[in-house]
Amino acid sequence: RGAVIFAAEGSARFVDGSGAGVPGSAHFLALRTTG
């Protein structure tokens, strides 16, 4: 698992399954379908 944390000042930060911070200026979630 992982999580995006939206902060009150408008920024976002990212953590992995254990809660450790994940570096990077941007991340993504990918959705696809069959067919």
Full PDB file with SEQRES, HELIX, SHEET, SSBOND, CRYST1, ORIGX, SCALE, CONECT and MASTER records, all heavy atoms in Angstrom:
SEQRES   1 A   35  ARG GLY ALA VAL ILE PHE ALA ALA GLU GLY SER ALA ARG          
SEQRES   2 A   35  PHE VAL ASP GLY SER GLY ALA GLY VAL PRO GLY SER ALA          
SEQRES   3 A   35  HIS PHE LEU ALA LEU ARG THR THR GLY                          
SHEET    1 AA1 2 ALA A   3  PHE A   6  0                                        
SHEET    2 AA1 2 ALA A  12  VAL A  15 -1                                        
CRYST1    1.000    1.000    1.000  90.00  90.00  90.00 P 1           1          
ORIGX1      1.000000  0.000000  0.000000        0.00000                         
ORIGX2      0.000000  1.000000  0.000000        0.00000                         
ORIGX3      0.000000  0.000000  1.000000        0.00000                         
SCALE1      1.000000  0.000000  0.000000        0.00000                         
SCALE2      0.000000  1.000000  0.000000        0.00000                         
SCALE3      0.000000  0.000000  1.000000        0.00000                         
ATOM      1  N   ARG A   1       0.831  -1.190   0.000  1.00  0.00           N  
ATOM      2  CA  ARG A   1       0.000   0.000   0.000  1.00  0.00           C  
ATOM      3  C   ARG A   1       0.868   1.243   0.000  1.00  0.00           C  
ATOM      4  O   ARG A   1       2.100   1.173   0.077  1.00  0.00           O  
ATOM      5  CB  ARG A   1      -0.897   0.024   1.236  1.00  0.00           C  
ATOM      6  CG  ARG A   1      -0.097   0.149   2.544  1.00  0.00           C  
ATOM      7  CD  ARG A   1      -0.983   0.285   3.754  1.00  0.00           C  
ATOM      8  NE  ARG A   1      -0.187   0.428   4.975  1.00  0.00           N  
ATOM      9  CZ  ARG A   1      -0.701   0.683   6.169  1.00  0.00           C  
ATOM     10  NH1 ARG A   1      -2.007   0.807   6.313  1.00  0.00           N  
ATOM     11  NH2 ARG A   1       0.088   0.804   7.220  1.00  0.00           N  
ATOM     12  N   GLY A   2       0.242   2.392  -0.072  1.00  0.00           N  
ATOM     13  CA  GLY A   2       0.904   3.676   0.017  1.00  0.00           C  
ATOM     14  C   GLY A   2      -0.153   4.735   0.265  1.00  0.00           C  
ATOM     15  O   GLY A   2      -1.350   4.444   0.247  1.00  0.00           O  
ATOM     16  N   ALA A   3       0.280   5.971   0.499  1.00  0.00           N  
ATOM     17  CA  ALA A   3      -0.684   7.023   0.798  1.00  0.00           C  
ATOM     18  C   ALA A   3      -0.193   8.376   0.316  1.00  0.00           C  
ATOM     19  O   ALA A   3       1.010   8.650   0.297  1.00  0.00           O  
ATOM     20  CB  ALA A   3      -0.972   7.079   2.296  1.00  0.00           C  
ATOM     21  N   VAL A   4      -1.159   9.201  -0.080  1.00  0.00           N  
ATOM     22  CA  VAL A   4      -0.932  10.615  -0.360  1.00  0.00           C  
ATOM     23  C   VAL A   4      -1.510  11.389   0.814  1.00  0.00           C  
ATOM     24  O   VAL A   4      -2.642  11.121   1.239  1.00  0.00           O  
ATOM     25  CB  VAL A   4      -1.639  11.059  -1.651  1.00  0.00           C  
ATOM     26  CG1 VAL A   4      -1.280  12.502  -1.981  1.00  0.00           C  
ATOM     27  CG2 VAL A   4      -1.317  10.139  -2.801  1.00  0.00           C  
ATOM     28  N   ILE A   5      -0.758  12.336   1.329  1.00  0.00           N  
ATOM     29  CA  ILE A   5      -1.221  13.151   2.450  1.00  0.00           C  
ATOM     30  C   ILE A   5      -1.374  14.583   1.963  1.00  0.00           C  
ATOM     31  O   ILE A   5      -0.388  15.257   1.644  1.00  0.00           O  
ATOM     32  CB  ILE A   5      -0.234  13.101   3.625  1.00  0.00           C  
ATOM     33  CG1 ILE A   5       0.080  11.650   3.991  1.00  0.00           C  
ATOM     34  CG2 ILE A   5      -0.798  13.852   4.830  1.00  0.00           C  
ATOM     35  CD1 ILE A   5       1.251  11.502   4.945  1.00  0.00           C  
ATOM     36  N   PHE A   6      -2.619  15.045   1.878  1.00  0.00           N  
ATOM     37  CA  PHE A   6      -2.891  16.419   1.477  1.00  0.00           C  
ATOM     38  C   PHE A   6      -2.842  17.297   2.728  1.00  0.00           C  
ATOM     39  O   PHE A   6      -3.515  17.028   3.722  1.00  0.00           O  
ATOM     40  CB  PHE A   6      -4.249  16.536   0.803  1.00  0.00           C  
ATOM     41  CG  PHE A   6      -4.343  15.793  -0.497  1.00  0.00           C  
ATOM     42  CD1 PHE A   6      -4.996  14.575  -0.571  1.00  0.00           C  
ATOM     43  CD2 PHE A   6      -3.758  16.306  -1.642  1.00  0.00           C  
ATOM     44  CE1 PHE A   6      -5.074  13.882  -1.769  1.00  0.00           C  
ATOM     45  CE2 PHE A   6      -3.830  15.622  -2.850  1.00  0.00           C  
ATOM     46  CZ  PHE A   6      -4.492  14.402  -2.912  1.00  0.00           C  
ATOM     47  N   ALA A   7      -2.029  18.360   2.665  1.00  0.00           N  
ATOM     48  CA  ALA A   7      -1.815  19.227   3.816  1.00  0.00           C  
ATOM     49  C   ALA A   7      -2.674  20.485   3.714  1.00  0.00           C  
ATOM     50  O   ALA A   7      -3.153  20.858   2.636  1.00  0.00           O  
ATOM     51  CB  ALA A   7      -0.342  19.606   3.937  1.00  0.00           C  
ATOM     52  N   ALA A   8      -2.832  21.163   4.857  1.00  0.00           N  
ATOM     53  CA  ALA A   8      -3.698  22.333   4.920  1.00  0.00           C  
ATOM     54  C   ALA A   8      -3.208  23.477   4.054  1.00  0.00           C  
ATOM     55  O   ALA A   8      -4.004  24.297   3.588  1.00  0.00           O  
ATOM     56  CB  ALA A   8      -3.816  22.794   6.373  1.00  0.00           C  
ATOM     57  N   GLU A   9      -1.887  23.554   3.820  1.00  0.00           N  
ATOM     58  CA  GLU A   9      -1.366  24.651   3.000  1.00  0.00           C  
ATOM     59  C   GLU A   9      -1.426  24.349   1.509  1.00  0.00           C  
ATOM     60  O   GLU A   9      -1.006  25.166   0.686  1.00  0.00           O  
ATOM     61  CB  GLU A   9       0.067  24.991   3.408  1.00  0.00           C  
ATOM     62  CG  GLU A   9       1.114  23.968   3.001  1.00  0.00           C  
ATOM     63  CD  GLU A   9       1.284  22.847   3.998  1.00  0.00           C  
ATOM     64  OE1 GLU A   9       0.457  22.762   4.930  1.00  0.00           O  
ATOM     65  OE2 GLU A   9       2.241  22.060   3.855  1.00  0.00           O  
ATOM     66  N   GLY A  10      -1.942  23.167   1.131  1.00  0.00           N  
ATOM     67  CA  GLY A  10      -2.146  22.852  -0.280  1.00  0.00           C  
ATOM     68  C   GLY A  10      -1.143  21.889  -0.870  1.00  0.00           C  
ATOM     69  O   GLY A  10      -1.330  21.436  -2.000  1.00  0.00           O  
ATOM     70  N   SER A  11      -0.088  21.557  -0.154  1.00  0.00           N  
ATOM     71  CA  SER A  11       0.912  20.641  -0.692  1.00  0.00           C  
ATOM     72  C   SER A  11       0.487  19.191  -0.473  1.00  0.00           C  
ATOM     73  O   SER A  11      -0.531  18.906   0.178  1.00  0.00           O  
ATOM     74  CB  SER A  11       2.269  20.886  -0.029  1.00  0.00           C  
ATOM     75  OG  SER A  11       2.204  20.587   1.354  1.00  0.00           O  
ATOM     76  N   ALA A  12       1.273  18.276  -1.025  1.00  0.00           N  
ATOM     77  CA  ALA A  12       1.030  16.847  -0.826  1.00  0.00           C  
ATOM     78  C   ALA A  12       2.357  16.170  -0.546  1.00  0.00           C  
ATOM     79  O   ALA A  12       3.401  16.594  -1.055  1.00  0.00           O  
ATOM     80  CB  ALA A  12       0.373  16.237  -2.062  1.00  0.00           C  
ATOM     81  N   ARG A  13       2.321  15.143   0.266  1.00  0.00           N  
ATOM     82  CA  ARG A  13       3.509  14.322   0.457  1.00  0.00           C  
ATOM     83  C   ARG A  13       3.095  12.860   0.354  1.00  0.00           C  
ATOM     84  O   ARG A  13       1.905  12.540   0.407  1.00  0.00           O  
ATOM     85  CB  ARG A  13       4.199  14.620   1.793  1.00  0.00           C  
ATOM     86  CG  ARG A  13       3.418  14.318   3.043  1.00  0.00           C  
ATOM     87  CD  ARG A  13       4.189  14.823   4.264  1.00  0.00           C  
ATOM     88  NE  ARG A  13       3.653  14.331   5.531  1.00  0.00           N  
ATOM     89  CZ  ARG A  13       2.663  14.893   6.194  1.00  0.00           C  
ATOM     90  NH1 ARG A  13       2.071  15.978   5.704  1.00  0.00           N  
ATOM     91  NH2 ARG A  13       2.251  14.381   7.350  1.00  0.00           N  
ATOM     92  N   PHE A  14       4.074  11.984   0.224  1.00  0.00           N  
ATOM     93  CA  PHE A  14       3.795  10.596  -0.097  1.00  0.00           C  
ATOM     94  C   PHE A  14       4.533   9.684   0.881  1.00  0.00           C  
ATOM     95  O   PHE A  14       5.675   9.950   1.247  1.00  0.00           O  
ATOM     96  CB  PHE A  14       4.244  10.287  -1.531  1.00  0.00           C  
ATOM     97  CG  PHE A  14       3.690  11.240  -2.547  1.00  0.00           C  
ATOM     98  CD1 PHE A  14       4.372  12.408  -2.872  1.00  0.00           C  
ATOM     99  CD2 PHE A  14       2.485  10.988  -3.170  1.00  0.00           C  
ATOM    100  CE1 PHE A  14       3.864  13.302  -3.808  1.00  0.00           C  
ATOM    101  CE2 PHE A  14       1.960  11.869  -4.110  1.00  0.00           C  
ATOM    102  CZ  PHE A  14       2.654  13.029  -4.429  1.00  0.00           C  
ATOM    103  N   VAL A  15       3.862   8.613   1.304  1.00  0.00           N  
ATOM    104  CA  VAL A  15       4.489   7.630   2.178  1.00  0.00           C  
ATOM    105  C   VAL A  15       4.222   6.236   1.610  1.00  0.00           C  
ATOM    106  O   VAL A  15       3.222   6.009   0.918  1.00  0.00           O  
ATOM    107  CB  VAL A  15       3.964   7.714   3.625  1.00  0.00           C  
ATOM    108  CG1 VAL A  15       4.322   9.052   4.252  1.00  0.00           C  
ATOM    109  CG2 VAL A  15       2.464   7.466   3.692  1.00  0.00           C  
ATOM    110  N   ASP A  16       5.130   5.307   1.916  1.00  0.00           N  
ATOM    111  CA  ASP A  16       4.948   3.936   1.453  1.00  0.00           C  
ATOM    112  C   ASP A  16       4.130   3.145   2.470  1.00  0.00           C  
ATOM    113  O   ASP A  16       3.530   3.714   3.399  1.00  0.00           O  
ATOM    114  CB  ASP A  16       6.306   3.285   1.164  1.00  0.00           C  
ATOM    115  CG  ASP A  16       7.188   3.159   2.413  1.00  0.00           C  
ATOM    116  OD1 ASP A  16       6.674   3.320   3.547  1.00  0.00           O  
ATOM    117  OD2 ASP A  16       8.393   2.887   2.264  1.00  0.00           O  
ATOM    118  N   GLY A  17       4.141   1.829   2.337  1.00  0.00           N  
ATOM    119  CA  GLY A  17       3.314   1.005   3.197  1.00  0.00           C  
ATOM    120  C   GLY A  17       3.664   1.070   4.666  1.00  0.00           C  
ATOM    121  O   GLY A  17       2.808   0.878   5.533  1.00  0.00           O  
ATOM    122  N   SER A  18       4.928   1.356   4.982  1.00  0.00           N  
ATOM    123  CA  SER A  18       5.362   1.423   6.376  1.00  0.00           C  
ATOM    124  C   SER A  18       5.219   2.813   6.972  1.00  0.00           C  
ATOM    125  O   SER A  18       5.433   3.005   8.172  1.00  0.00           O  
ATOM    126  CB  SER A  18       6.824   0.981   6.489  1.00  0.00           C  
ATOM    127  OG  SER A  18       7.683   1.921   5.844  1.00  0.00           O  
ATOM    128  N   GLY A  19       4.901   3.799   6.132  1.00  0.00           N  
ATOM    129  CA  GLY A  19       4.807   5.174   6.597  1.00  0.00           C  
ATOM    130  C   GLY A  19       6.053   5.991   6.329  1.00  0.00           C  
ATOM    131  O   GLY A  19       6.104   7.173   6.681  1.00  0.00           O  
ATOM    132  N   ALA A  20       7.061   5.385   5.707  1.00  0.00           N  
ATOM    133  CA  ALA A  20       8.282   6.122   5.361  1.00  0.00           C  
ATOM    134  C   ALA A  20       8.028   7.046   4.177  1.00  0.00           C  
ATOM    135  O   ALA A  20       7.293   6.694   3.243  1.00  0.00           O  
ATOM    136  CB  ALA A  20       9.409   5.147   5.028  1.00  0.00           C  
ATOM    137  N   GLY A  21       8.636   8.223   4.204  1.00  0.00           N  
ATOM    138  CA  GLY A  21       8.453   9.171   3.124  1.00  0.00           C  
ATOM    139  C   GLY A  21       9.014   8.675   1.803  1.00  0.00           C  
ATOM    140  O   GLY A  21      10.053   8.016   1.772  1.00  0.00           O  
ATOM    141  N   VAL A  22       8.319   9.001   0.716  1.00  0.00           N  
ATOM    142  CA  VAL A  22       8.760   8.621  -0.629  1.00  0.00           C  
ATOM    143  C   VAL A  22       9.157   9.897  -1.366  1.00  0.00           C  
ATOM    144  O   VAL A  22       8.338  10.801  -1.525  1.00  0.00           O  
ATOM    145  CB  VAL A  22       7.645   7.893  -1.395  1.00  0.00           C  
ATOM    146  CG1 VAL A  22       8.112   7.508  -2.791  1.00  0.00           C  
ATOM    147  CG2 VAL A  22       7.186   6.660  -0.627  1.00  0.00           C  
ATOM    148  N   PRO A  23      10.424  10.013  -1.815  1.00  0.00           N  
ATOM    149  CA  PRO A  23      10.860  11.237  -2.490  1.00  0.00           C  
ATOM    150  C   PRO A  23      10.253  11.356  -3.885  1.00  0.00           C  
ATOM    151  O   PRO A  23       9.679  10.404  -4.418  1.00  0.00           O  
ATOM    152  CB  PRO A  23      12.376  11.072  -2.557  1.00  0.00           C  
ATOM    153  CG  PRO A  23      12.588   9.586  -2.558  1.00  0.00           C  
ATOM    154  CD  PRO A  23      11.502   9.018  -1.693  1.00  0.00           C  
ATOM    155  N   GLY A  24      10.419  12.533  -4.455  1.00  0.00           N  
ATOM    156  CA  GLY A  24       9.926  12.784  -5.808  1.00  0.00           C  
ATOM    157  C   GLY A  24       9.002  13.975  -5.845  1.00  0.00           C  
ATOM    158  O   GLY A  24       8.211  14.184  -4.918  1.00  0.00           O  
ATOM    159  N   SER A  25       9.104  14.771  -6.918  1.00  0.00           N  
ATOM    160  CA  SER A  25       8.282  15.976  -7.044  1.00  0.00           C  
ATOM    161  C   SER A  25       6.859  15.662  -7.472  1.00  0.00           C  
ATOM    162  O   SER A  25       5.969  16.504  -7.339  1.00  0.00           O  
ATOM    163  CB  SER A  25       8.913  16.935  -8.060  1.00  0.00           C  
ATOM    164  OG  SER A  25       9.015  16.319  -9.334  1.00  0.00           O  
ATOM    165  N   ALA A  26       6.618  14.450  -7.991  1.00  0.00           N  
ATOM    166  CA  ALA A  26       5.278  14.048  -8.413  1.00  0.00           C  
ATOM    167  C   ALA A  26       5.187  12.534  -8.428  1.00  0.00           C  
ATOM    168  O   ALA A  26       6.192  11.834  -8.585  1.00  0.00           O  
ATOM    169  CB  ALA A  26       4.957  14.605  -9.795  1.00  0.00           C  
ATOM    170  N   HIS A  27       3.973  12.038  -8.266  1.00  0.00           N  
ATOM    171  CA  HIS A  27       3.712  10.600  -8.313  1.00  0.00           C  
ATOM    172  C   HIS A  27       2.403  10.366  -9.056  1.00  0.00           C  
ATOM    173  O   HIS A  27       1.718  11.305  -9.459  1.00  0.00           O  
ATOM    174  CB  HIS A  27       3.682  10.004  -6.910  1.00  0.00           C  
ATOM    175  CG  HIS A  27       5.037   9.853  -6.298  1.00  0.00           C  
ATOM    176  ND1 HIS A  27       5.834   8.747  -6.537  1.00  0.00           N  
ATOM    177  CD2 HIS A  27       5.752  10.669  -5.488  1.00  0.00           C  
ATOM    178  CE1 HIS A  27       6.975   8.881  -5.884  1.00  0.00           C  
ATOM    179  NE2 HIS A  27       6.957  10.048  -5.244  1.00  0.00           N  
ATOM    180  N   PHE A  28       2.055   9.073  -9.229  1.00  0.00           N  
ATOM    181  CA  PHE A  28       0.843   8.780  -9.991  1.00  0.00           C  
ATOM    182  C   PHE A  28       0.184   7.496  -9.516  1.00  0.00           C  
ATOM    183  O   PHE A  28       0.784   6.649  -8.859  1.00  0.00           O  
ATOM    184  CB  PHE A  28       1.157   8.660 -11.494  1.00  0.00           C  
ATOM    185  CG  PHE A  28       2.063   7.502 -11.838  1.00  0.00           C  
ATOM    186  CD1 PHE A  28       1.565   6.213 -11.994  1.00  0.00           C  
ATOM    187  CD2 PHE A  28       3.432   7.692 -12.007  1.00  0.00           C  
ATOM    188  CE1 PHE A  28       2.395   5.147 -12.306  1.00  0.00           C  
ATOM    189  CE2 PHE A  28       4.276   6.638 -12.313  1.00  0.00           C  
ATOM    190  CZ  PHE A  28       3.748   5.358 -12.469  1.00  0.00           C  
ATOM    191  N   LEU A  29      -1.097   7.385  -9.885  1.00  0.00           N  
ATOM    192  CA  LEU A  29      -1.871   6.158  -9.780  1.00  0.00           C  
ATOM    193  C   LEU A  29      -2.350   5.812 -11.175  1.00  0.00           C  
ATOM    194  O   LEU A  29      -2.847   6.687 -11.901  1.00  0.00           O  
ATOM    195  CB  LEU A  29      -3.078   6.352  -8.857  1.00  0.00           C  
ATOM    196  CG  LEU A  29      -2.791   6.454  -7.360  1.00  0.00           C  
ATOM    197  CD1 LEU A  29      -4.010   7.005  -6.626  1.00  0.00           C  
ATOM    198  CD2 LEU A  29      -2.412   5.096  -6.814  1.00  0.00           C  
ATOM    199  N   ALA A  30      -2.196   4.558 -11.582  1.00  0.00           N  
ATOM    200  CA  ALA A  30      -2.561   4.145 -12.936  1.00  0.00           C  
ATOM    201  C   ALA A  30      -3.766   3.215 -12.909  1.00  0.00           C  
ATOM    202  O   ALA A  30      -3.794   2.235 -12.159  1.00  0.00           O  
ATOM    203  CB  ALA A  30      -1.386   3.444 -13.609  1.00  0.00           C  
ATOM    204  N   LEU A  31      -4.762   3.537 -13.723  1.00  0.00           N  
ATOM    205  CA  LEU A  31      -5.966   2.729 -13.850  1.00  0.00           C  
ATOM    206  C   LEU A  31      -6.097   2.251 -15.288  1.00  0.00           C  
ATOM    207  O   LEU A  31      -5.903   3.025 -16.235  1.00  0.00           O  
ATOM    208  CB  LEU A  31      -7.208   3.552 -13.494  1.00  0.00           C  
ATOM    209  CG  LEU A  31      -7.508   3.795 -12.021  1.00  0.00           C  
ATOM    210  CD1 LEU A  31      -8.566   4.880 -11.896  1.00  0.00           C  
ATOM    211  CD2 LEU A  31      -7.986   2.526 -11.356  1.00  0.00           C  
ATOM    212  N   ARG A  32      -6.431   0.993 -15.456  1.00  0.00           N  
ATOM    213  CA  ARG A  32      -6.693   0.491 -16.793  1.00  0.00           C  
ATOM    214  C   ARG A  32      -7.824  -0.518 -16.726  1.00  0.00           C  
ATOM    215  O   ARG A  32      -8.233  -0.955 -15.657  1.00  0.00           O  
ATOM    216  CB  ARG A  32      -5.446  -0.150 -17.399  1.00  0.00           C  
ATOM    217  CG  ARG A  32      -4.912  -1.345 -16.643  1.00  0.00           C  
ATOM    218  CD  ARG A  32      -3.744  -1.974 -17.368  1.00  0.00           C  
ATOM    219  NE  ARG A  32      -4.123  -2.436 -18.694  1.00  0.00           N  
ATOM    220  CZ  ARG A  32      -3.274  -2.987 -19.549  1.00  0.00           C  
ATOM    221  NH1 ARG A  32      -2.003  -3.111 -19.234  1.00  0.00           N  
ATOM    222  NH2 ARG A  32      -3.687  -3.402 -20.721  1.00  0.00           N  
ATOM    223  N   THR A  33      -8.342  -0.874 -17.878  1.00  0.00           N  
ATOM    224  CA  THR A  33      -9.435  -1.825 -17.965  1.00  0.00           C  
ATOM    225  C   THR A  33      -9.097  -2.900 -18.976  1.00  0.00           C  
ATOM    226  O   THR A  33      -8.155  -2.763 -19.767  1.00  0.00           O  
ATOM    227  CB  THR A  33     -10.738  -1.123 -18.405  1.00  0.00           C  
ATOM    228  OG1 THR A  33     -10.542  -0.552 -19.705  1.00  0.00           O  
ATOM    229  CG2 THR A  33     -11.121  -0.025 -17.435  1.00  0.00           C  
ATOM    230  N   THR A  34      -9.866  -3.964 -18.938  1.00  0.00           N  
ATOM    231  CA  THR A  34      -9.703  -4.997 -19.947  1.00  0.00           C  
ATOM    232  C   THR A  34     -10.361  -4.546 -21.244  1.00  0.00           C  
ATOM    233  O   THR A  34     -11.243  -3.699 -21.244  1.00  0.00           O  
ATOM    234  CB  THR A  34     -10.355  -6.306 -19.476  1.00  0.00           C  
ATOM    235  OG1 THR A  34     -11.730  -6.049 -19.164  1.00  0.00           O  
ATOM    236  CG2 THR A  34      -9.659  -6.832 -18.240  1.00  0.00           C  
ATOM    237  N   GLY A  35      -9.931  -5.118 -22.351  1.00  0.00           N  
ATOM    238  CA  GLY A  35     -10.525  -4.769 -23.633  1.00  0.00           C  
ATOM    239  C   GLY A  35      -9.981  -3.468 -24.188  1.00  0.00           C  
ATOM    240  O   GLY A  35      -8.932  -2.972 -23.769  1.00  0.00           O  
TER     241      GLY A  35                                                      
MASTER        0    0    0    0    2    0    0    6  240    1    0    3          
END                                                                             
